[in-house]
N, C-alpha and C. Protein backbone atom coordinates (compact mmCIF):
# COMPACT_ATOMS: atom_id res chain seq x y z
N MET A 1 27.96 -37.89 56.72
CA MET A 1 29.42 -37.82 56.78
C MET A 1 29.99 -38.79 55.75
N PRO A 2 30.94 -38.33 54.92
CA PRO A 2 31.50 -39.18 53.86
C PRO A 2 32.21 -40.42 54.42
N ILE A 3 31.98 -41.55 53.77
CA ILE A 3 32.62 -42.81 54.18
C ILE A 3 34.14 -42.73 54.02
N SER A 4 34.59 -41.94 53.06
CA SER A 4 36.04 -41.84 52.84
C SER A 4 36.74 -41.28 54.07
N LEU A 5 36.04 -40.50 54.85
CA LEU A 5 36.62 -39.94 56.08
C LEU A 5 36.97 -41.05 57.07
N PHE A 6 36.04 -41.99 57.24
CA PHE A 6 36.28 -43.11 58.15
C PHE A 6 37.37 -44.04 57.63
N VAL A 7 37.31 -44.35 56.34
CA VAL A 7 38.30 -45.26 55.75
C VAL A 7 39.69 -44.65 55.83
N ALA A 8 39.83 -43.39 55.45
CA ALA A 8 41.14 -42.72 55.49
C ALA A 8 41.65 -42.63 56.93
N PHE A 9 40.76 -42.31 57.87
CA PHE A 9 41.16 -42.26 59.28
C PHE A 9 41.74 -43.60 59.71
N PHE A 10 41.04 -44.68 59.43
CA PHE A 10 41.49 -46.01 59.83
C PHE A 10 42.83 -46.36 59.17
N LEU A 11 42.96 -46.11 57.87
CA LEU A 11 44.20 -46.46 57.17
C LEU A 11 45.39 -45.65 57.68
N PHE A 12 45.19 -44.35 57.88
CA PHE A 12 46.29 -43.52 58.39
C PHE A 12 46.66 -43.92 59.82
N ALA A 13 45.66 -44.17 60.66
CA ALA A 13 45.95 -44.57 62.04
C ALA A 13 46.70 -45.90 62.08
N ALA A 14 46.26 -46.85 61.25
CA ALA A 14 46.93 -48.16 61.20
C ALA A 14 48.36 -48.03 60.69
N MET A 15 48.55 -47.29 59.59
CA MET A 15 49.89 -47.10 59.04
C MET A 15 50.79 -46.39 60.04
N GLY A 16 50.29 -45.28 60.58
CA GLY A 16 51.09 -44.50 61.50
C GLY A 16 51.48 -45.27 62.74
N GLY A 17 50.50 -45.92 63.35
CA GLY A 17 50.78 -46.69 64.56
C GLY A 17 51.75 -47.84 64.32
N ALA A 18 51.51 -48.59 63.25
CA ALA A 18 52.37 -49.74 62.96
C ALA A 18 53.81 -49.31 62.67
N LEU A 19 53.98 -48.23 61.90
CA LEU A 19 55.34 -47.86 61.50
C LEU A 19 56.06 -47.01 62.54
N LEU A 20 55.34 -46.41 63.47
CA LEU A 20 56.01 -45.81 64.63
C LEU A 20 56.57 -46.91 65.52
N TRP A 21 55.76 -47.95 65.69
CA TRP A 21 56.14 -49.05 66.57
C TRP A 21 57.21 -49.93 65.94
N ARG A 22 57.01 -50.34 64.69
CA ARG A 22 57.93 -51.26 64.01
C ARG A 22 58.20 -50.78 62.59
N PRO A 23 59.15 -49.90 62.39
CA PRO A 23 59.41 -49.40 61.02
C PRO A 23 59.83 -50.51 60.06
N GLN A 24 60.27 -51.64 60.59
CA GLN A 24 60.69 -52.75 59.74
C GLN A 24 59.54 -53.34 58.94
N TYR A 25 58.28 -53.07 59.33
CA TYR A 25 57.14 -53.54 58.54
C TYR A 25 57.22 -53.02 57.11
N LEU A 26 57.78 -51.83 56.94
CA LEU A 26 57.91 -51.27 55.60
C LEU A 26 58.81 -52.15 54.74
N THR A 27 59.83 -52.74 55.34
CA THR A 27 60.74 -53.63 54.62
C THR A 27 59.99 -54.80 54.01
N GLN A 28 59.06 -55.35 54.76
CA GLN A 28 58.31 -56.50 54.28
C GLN A 28 57.41 -56.15 53.10
N LEU A 29 57.01 -54.92 52.99
CA LEU A 29 56.10 -54.51 51.92
C LEU A 29 56.80 -53.97 50.69
N THR A 30 57.93 -53.31 50.87
CA THR A 30 58.54 -52.57 49.75
C THR A 30 59.98 -52.95 49.44
N ASN A 31 60.55 -53.87 50.16
CA ASN A 31 61.95 -54.27 49.97
C ASN A 31 62.94 -53.15 50.29
N VAL A 32 62.52 -52.18 51.09
CA VAL A 32 63.41 -51.12 51.55
C VAL A 32 64.13 -51.64 52.78
N GLU A 33 65.43 -51.67 52.74
CA GLU A 33 66.21 -52.15 53.88
C GLU A 33 66.44 -51.02 54.88
N LEU A 34 66.08 -51.27 56.12
CA LEU A 34 66.25 -50.26 57.17
C LEU A 34 67.40 -50.70 58.07
N THR A 35 68.60 -50.48 57.59
CA THR A 35 69.78 -51.00 58.28
C THR A 35 70.45 -49.99 59.20
N THR A 36 70.00 -48.74 59.16
CA THR A 36 70.63 -47.73 60.01
C THR A 36 69.59 -47.08 60.92
N ILE A 37 70.08 -46.46 61.98
CA ILE A 37 69.20 -45.72 62.88
C ILE A 37 68.48 -44.62 62.11
N GLU A 38 69.20 -43.95 61.21
CA GLU A 38 68.63 -42.85 60.44
C GLU A 38 67.49 -43.33 59.53
N SER A 39 67.66 -44.50 58.93
CA SER A 39 66.60 -45.01 58.04
C SER A 39 65.35 -45.35 58.83
N ARG A 40 65.49 -45.94 59.99
CA ARG A 40 64.33 -46.25 60.83
C ARG A 40 63.69 -44.96 61.35
N ASN A 41 64.52 -43.97 61.67
CA ASN A 41 64.01 -42.67 62.10
C ASN A 41 63.17 -42.04 60.99
N GLU A 42 63.66 -42.13 59.77
CA GLU A 42 62.95 -41.55 58.62
C GLU A 42 61.58 -42.21 58.43
N VAL A 43 61.52 -43.51 58.53
CA VAL A 43 60.24 -44.22 58.38
C VAL A 43 59.30 -43.85 59.51
N ARG A 44 59.82 -43.80 60.73
CA ARG A 44 58.96 -43.41 61.85
C ARG A 44 58.41 -42.00 61.67
N ALA A 45 59.24 -41.09 61.17
CA ALA A 45 58.81 -39.70 60.99
C ALA A 45 57.83 -39.56 59.84
N VAL A 46 58.20 -40.07 58.66
CA VAL A 46 57.41 -39.83 57.46
C VAL A 46 56.15 -40.69 57.42
N TYR A 47 56.27 -41.95 57.71
CA TYR A 47 55.10 -42.82 57.66
C TYR A 47 54.37 -42.87 59.00
N GLY A 48 55.12 -42.96 60.09
CA GLY A 48 54.51 -43.05 61.41
C GLY A 48 53.92 -41.73 61.87
N GLY A 49 54.76 -40.74 62.04
CA GLY A 49 54.31 -39.45 62.55
C GLY A 49 53.31 -38.77 61.63
N PHE A 50 53.58 -38.78 60.34
CA PHE A 50 52.66 -38.18 59.38
C PHE A 50 51.32 -38.93 59.38
N GLY A 51 51.38 -40.25 59.45
CA GLY A 51 50.15 -41.04 59.48
C GLY A 51 49.29 -40.72 60.68
N ILE A 52 49.90 -40.62 61.85
CA ILE A 52 49.16 -40.29 63.06
C ILE A 52 48.60 -38.87 62.97
N ALA A 53 49.38 -37.92 62.47
CA ALA A 53 48.90 -36.54 62.32
C ALA A 53 47.71 -36.48 61.37
N MET A 54 47.77 -37.20 60.26
CA MET A 54 46.66 -37.22 59.32
C MET A 54 45.42 -37.86 59.95
N ALA A 55 45.62 -38.94 60.70
CA ALA A 55 44.49 -39.58 61.37
C ALA A 55 43.84 -38.61 62.36
N LEU A 56 44.65 -37.88 63.10
CA LEU A 56 44.10 -36.90 64.04
C LEU A 56 43.35 -35.78 63.32
N ALA A 57 43.87 -35.32 62.21
CA ALA A 57 43.18 -34.29 61.43
C ALA A 57 41.83 -34.82 60.94
N LEU A 58 41.81 -36.06 60.47
CA LEU A 58 40.56 -36.65 59.99
C LEU A 58 39.57 -36.87 61.13
N LEU A 59 40.08 -37.19 62.32
CA LEU A 59 39.22 -37.31 63.50
C LEU A 59 38.59 -35.96 63.83
N VAL A 60 39.38 -34.90 63.76
CA VAL A 60 38.85 -33.55 63.98
C VAL A 60 37.76 -33.25 62.95
N ALA A 61 37.97 -33.66 61.70
CA ALA A 61 36.97 -33.44 60.65
C ALA A 61 35.67 -34.18 60.96
N MET A 62 35.77 -35.34 61.60
CA MET A 62 34.57 -36.09 61.96
C MET A 62 33.82 -35.40 63.10
N ILE A 63 34.55 -34.77 64.01
CA ILE A 63 33.95 -34.17 65.20
C ILE A 63 33.45 -32.75 64.94
N LEU A 64 34.19 -31.99 64.13
CA LEU A 64 33.86 -30.59 63.88
C LEU A 64 33.49 -30.37 62.41
N PRO A 65 32.20 -30.44 62.10
CA PRO A 65 31.79 -30.32 60.69
C PRO A 65 32.21 -29.01 60.02
N GLU A 66 32.38 -27.95 60.80
CA GLU A 66 32.77 -26.68 60.20
C GLU A 66 34.20 -26.70 59.65
N LEU A 67 35.01 -27.66 60.10
CA LEU A 67 36.39 -27.80 59.61
C LEU A 67 36.53 -28.92 58.58
N ARG A 68 35.48 -29.69 58.41
CA ARG A 68 35.54 -30.91 57.58
C ARG A 68 36.00 -30.63 56.16
N GLY A 69 35.44 -29.64 55.51
CA GLY A 69 35.78 -29.38 54.11
C GLY A 69 37.25 -29.06 53.91
N GLY A 70 37.79 -28.20 54.72
CA GLY A 70 39.20 -27.83 54.60
C GLY A 70 40.14 -28.99 54.89
N ILE A 71 39.78 -29.78 55.91
CA ILE A 71 40.63 -30.93 56.25
C ILE A 71 40.59 -31.97 55.16
N MET A 72 39.40 -32.23 54.62
CA MET A 72 39.30 -33.23 53.55
C MET A 72 40.02 -32.76 52.29
N LEU A 73 39.91 -31.49 51.97
CA LEU A 73 40.62 -30.93 50.82
C LEU A 73 42.13 -31.11 50.98
N THR A 74 42.63 -30.71 52.14
CA THR A 74 44.07 -30.78 52.39
C THR A 74 44.57 -32.22 52.42
N SER A 75 43.83 -33.09 53.09
CA SER A 75 44.22 -34.50 53.16
C SER A 75 44.19 -35.14 51.78
N GLY A 76 43.16 -34.81 51.01
CA GLY A 76 43.07 -35.34 49.66
C GLY A 76 44.24 -34.90 48.79
N LEU A 77 44.59 -33.62 48.90
CA LEU A 77 45.73 -33.12 48.13
C LEU A 77 47.04 -33.78 48.56
N ALA A 78 47.20 -34.01 49.86
CA ALA A 78 48.41 -34.68 50.34
C ALA A 78 48.51 -36.09 49.74
N LEU A 79 47.40 -36.81 49.74
CA LEU A 79 47.41 -38.16 49.17
C LEU A 79 47.64 -38.13 47.65
N LEU A 80 47.03 -37.18 46.97
CA LEU A 80 47.26 -37.07 45.53
C LEU A 80 48.71 -36.72 45.23
N GLY A 81 49.32 -35.89 46.08
CA GLY A 81 50.74 -35.59 45.92
C GLY A 81 51.61 -36.82 46.11
N MET A 82 51.26 -37.64 47.10
CA MET A 82 52.00 -38.88 47.31
C MET A 82 51.87 -39.79 46.09
N ALA A 83 50.65 -39.93 45.59
CA ALA A 83 50.43 -40.78 44.41
C ALA A 83 51.18 -40.24 43.20
N ALA A 84 51.19 -38.92 43.03
CA ALA A 84 51.91 -38.32 41.90
C ALA A 84 53.41 -38.59 42.02
N GLY A 85 53.94 -38.47 43.22
CA GLY A 85 55.36 -38.76 43.43
C GLY A 85 55.69 -40.21 43.11
N ARG A 86 54.82 -41.12 43.54
CA ARG A 86 55.02 -42.54 43.21
C ARG A 86 54.91 -42.78 41.71
N GLY A 87 53.96 -42.09 41.07
CA GLY A 87 53.80 -42.24 39.63
C GLY A 87 55.03 -41.77 38.87
N TYR A 88 55.57 -40.64 39.28
CA TYR A 88 56.78 -40.13 38.64
C TYR A 88 57.94 -41.10 38.87
N ALA A 89 58.07 -41.60 40.09
CA ALA A 89 59.14 -42.56 40.39
C ALA A 89 58.97 -43.84 39.56
N ALA A 90 57.72 -44.27 39.38
CA ALA A 90 57.45 -45.47 38.58
C ALA A 90 57.78 -45.24 37.11
N TRP A 91 57.60 -44.02 36.65
CA TRP A 91 57.96 -43.69 35.28
C TRP A 91 59.47 -43.78 35.09
N LEU A 92 60.23 -43.40 36.13
CA LEU A 92 61.69 -43.45 36.06
C LEU A 92 62.22 -44.87 36.21
N GLU A 93 61.63 -45.63 37.14
CA GLU A 93 62.10 -46.99 37.43
C GLU A 93 60.89 -47.85 37.75
N LEU A 94 60.81 -49.01 37.17
CA LEU A 94 59.68 -49.91 37.37
C LEU A 94 59.70 -50.49 38.78
N PRO A 95 58.69 -50.16 39.60
CA PRO A 95 58.69 -50.64 40.99
C PRO A 95 57.99 -51.99 41.12
N SER A 96 57.97 -52.50 42.35
CA SER A 96 57.29 -53.76 42.65
C SER A 96 55.78 -53.56 42.63
N THR A 97 55.06 -54.65 42.63
CA THR A 97 53.60 -54.62 42.63
C THR A 97 53.05 -53.86 43.83
N MET A 98 53.66 -54.01 44.99
CA MET A 98 53.17 -53.36 46.20
C MET A 98 53.19 -51.84 46.06
N VAL A 99 54.18 -51.31 45.39
CA VAL A 99 54.25 -49.86 45.19
C VAL A 99 53.08 -49.41 44.31
N TRP A 100 52.72 -50.19 43.30
CA TRP A 100 51.57 -49.86 42.46
C TRP A 100 50.28 -49.88 43.28
N ILE A 101 50.18 -50.83 44.19
CA ILE A 101 49.00 -50.90 45.06
C ILE A 101 48.91 -49.66 45.92
N PHE A 102 50.03 -49.23 46.50
CA PHE A 102 50.05 -48.00 47.29
C PHE A 102 49.65 -46.80 46.44
N LEU A 103 50.18 -46.72 45.22
CA LEU A 103 49.86 -45.61 44.32
C LEU A 103 48.36 -45.54 44.07
N VAL A 104 47.75 -46.67 43.74
CA VAL A 104 46.31 -46.68 43.46
C VAL A 104 45.52 -46.32 44.71
N LEU A 105 45.88 -46.88 45.84
CA LEU A 105 45.19 -46.58 47.10
C LEU A 105 45.28 -45.09 47.44
N GLU A 106 46.46 -44.52 47.31
CA GLU A 106 46.64 -43.10 47.59
C GLU A 106 45.83 -42.23 46.63
N ALA A 107 45.85 -42.58 45.35
CA ALA A 107 45.12 -41.80 44.35
C ALA A 107 43.61 -41.87 44.59
N VAL A 108 43.10 -43.07 44.82
CA VAL A 108 41.66 -43.23 45.04
C VAL A 108 41.22 -42.51 46.31
N MET A 109 41.94 -42.72 47.41
CA MET A 109 41.58 -42.05 48.67
C MET A 109 41.73 -40.54 48.53
N GLY A 110 42.75 -40.10 47.80
CA GLY A 110 42.94 -38.67 47.58
C GLY A 110 41.76 -38.04 46.85
N PHE A 111 41.30 -38.69 45.78
CA PHE A 111 40.15 -38.18 45.05
C PHE A 111 38.88 -38.21 45.91
N LEU A 112 38.69 -39.29 46.65
CA LEU A 112 37.49 -39.40 47.50
C LEU A 112 37.46 -38.29 48.55
N LEU A 113 38.60 -38.06 49.18
CA LEU A 113 38.64 -37.00 50.18
C LEU A 113 38.52 -35.62 49.53
N PHE A 114 39.25 -35.40 48.46
CA PHE A 114 39.23 -34.10 47.79
C PHE A 114 37.81 -33.71 47.37
N PHE A 115 37.07 -34.68 46.83
CA PHE A 115 35.71 -34.40 46.38
C PHE A 115 34.66 -34.70 47.45
N ARG A 116 35.11 -34.99 48.66
CA ARG A 116 34.25 -35.20 49.84
C ARG A 116 33.19 -36.27 49.60
N ILE A 117 33.66 -37.40 49.07
CA ILE A 117 32.76 -38.53 48.77
C ILE A 117 32.78 -39.50 49.94
């Protein structure tokens, strides 16, 4: 079983759980101010809910080998899409160091999952 499956599962579960519980953690990492109910809702949905859903998909991939390839392909593409979006945004406006770290992490994990490493 590819190590990237375990690493991605852990990272998505940690991100999802933390940001469902306390969306303000994102503020500490990215300087995004969450001053409205809607902004906190958005973080809980996009980072929290999506993170938990991805972790569950990766857990299914660990348990059911017949689904592993498709789940890893899809998860890898999702991460590569996130990295591409961050890269495009960075091209438009120079972000903080933490955003670059997220971009690299997403790109590396995306490639590892996509190629089932």
